[in-house]
Amino acid sequence: MQVMVELSLYPLVNDYIPPIKAFIERLNSYAELTVTTCSTSTQVHGEYTQVMTILGQEMQRTHEEVGQAIFVAKFLNFDAMSSK
């Protein structure tokens, strides 16, 4: 099963742009993900289990490196073949 996750990251630090850029760059390093970045959110597409595992790891890393940060996410499961 495929999933699309729309994420917004709000680091609770004064210099908030670098943690956001770092998070997006890390997501883009995974060949198994399709990542689309907009001005206020990033969409991640891929196989459900892989996406959830990667997001869990990268969100934890962000919390460890930045401290307090808010993630807002929307999840949509879908079969790419049936969406045509």
Protein backbone atom coordinates (compact mmCIF):
# COMPACT_ATOMS: atom_id res chain seq x y z
CA MET A 1 0.00 0.00 0.00
CA GLN A 2 1.16 3.49 -0.81
CA VAL A 3 0.92 6.53 1.46
CA MET A 4 1.25 10.27 0.98
CA VAL A 5 2.17 12.33 4.02
CA GLU A 6 2.00 16.11 4.04
CA LEU A 7 4.32 17.47 6.75
CA SER A 8 5.01 20.86 8.22
CA LEU A 9 7.86 21.34 10.71
CA TYR A 10 7.94 24.16 13.24
CA PRO A 11 11.21 24.13 15.24
CA LEU A 12 10.74 26.11 18.46
CA VAL A 13 14.06 27.94 18.11
CA ASN A 14 14.97 31.44 16.92
CA ASP A 15 17.00 30.19 13.94
CA TYR A 16 14.32 27.87 12.56
CA ILE A 17 15.24 27.72 8.84
CA PRO A 18 18.37 25.47 9.13
CA PRO A 19 16.56 22.62 10.94
CA ILE A 20 13.76 22.69 8.35
CA LYS A 21 16.24 22.59 5.45
CA ALA A 22 18.22 19.80 7.11
CA PHE A 23 15.07 17.70 7.61
CA ILE A 24 14.00 18.13 3.97
CA GLU A 25 17.53 17.34 2.71
CA ARG A 26 17.56 14.14 4.74
CA LEU A 27 14.17 13.11 3.33
CA ASN A 28 15.47 13.76 -0.20
CA SER A 29 18.42 11.42 0.44
CA TYR A 30 16.13 8.36 0.46
CA ALA A 31 15.75 6.91 -3.04
CA GLU A 32 12.60 5.03 -2.00
CA LEU A 33 10.73 8.27 -1.25
CA THR A 34 9.23 10.83 -3.59
CA VAL A 35 9.53 14.22 -1.91
CA THR A 36 7.80 17.40 -3.08
CA THR A 37 8.49 20.60 -1.16
CA CYS A 38 6.14 23.59 -1.19
CA SER A 39 6.39 26.88 0.68
CA THR A 40 4.55 25.66 3.78
CA SER A 41 4.79 21.87 3.68
CA THR A 42 6.54 18.86 2.24
CA GLN A 43 4.78 15.88 0.68
CA VAL A 44 6.34 12.45 1.02
CA HIS A 45 5.10 9.54 -1.12
CA GLY A 46 6.14 5.91 -0.96
CA GLU A 47 5.45 2.44 0.35
CA TYR A 48 3.59 2.74 3.65
CA THR A 49 5.97 0.82 5.91
CA GLN A 50 9.09 2.47 4.48
CA VAL A 51 7.63 5.98 4.75
CA MET A 52 6.53 5.45 8.34
CA THR A 53 9.90 3.97 9.35
CA ILE A 54 11.89 6.77 7.70
CA LEU A 55 9.67 9.52 9.09
CA GLY A 56 9.94 8.05 12.58
CA GLN A 57 13.74 8.01 12.38
CA GLU A 58 14.05 11.49 10.90
CA MET A 59 11.50 13.08 13.21
CA GLN A 60 13.32 11.59 16.21
CA ARG A 61 16.64 12.90 14.86
CA THR A 62 15.13 16.39 14.50
CA HIS A 63 13.87 16.32 18.08
CA GLU A 64 17.26 15.15 19.34
CA GLU A 65 19.18 17.81 17.39
CA VAL A 66 16.80 20.77 17.71
CA GLY A 67 15.03 20.16 20.98
CA GLN A 68 11.40 21.16 20.88
CA ALA A 69 9.80 21.09 17.46
CA ILE A 70 6.26 20.65 16.23
CA PHE A 71 5.39 18.35 13.33
CA VAL A 72 1.96 18.68 11.73
CA ALA A 73 1.08 15.80 9.40
CA LYS A 74 -1.75 14.57 7.21
CA PHE A 75 -1.75 10.96 6.00
CA LEU A 76 -3.51 9.58 2.93
CA ASN A 77 -3.27 5.90 2.02
CA PHE A 78 -3.83 5.07 -1.64
CA ASP A 79 -3.06 2.66 -4.43
CA ALA A 80 -1.31 4.60 -7.21
CA MET A 81 -2.82 2.31 -9.86
CA SER A 82 -6.41 3.00 -8.75
CA SER A 83 -5.94 6.79 -8.69
CA LYS A 84 -5.71 7.02 -12.48
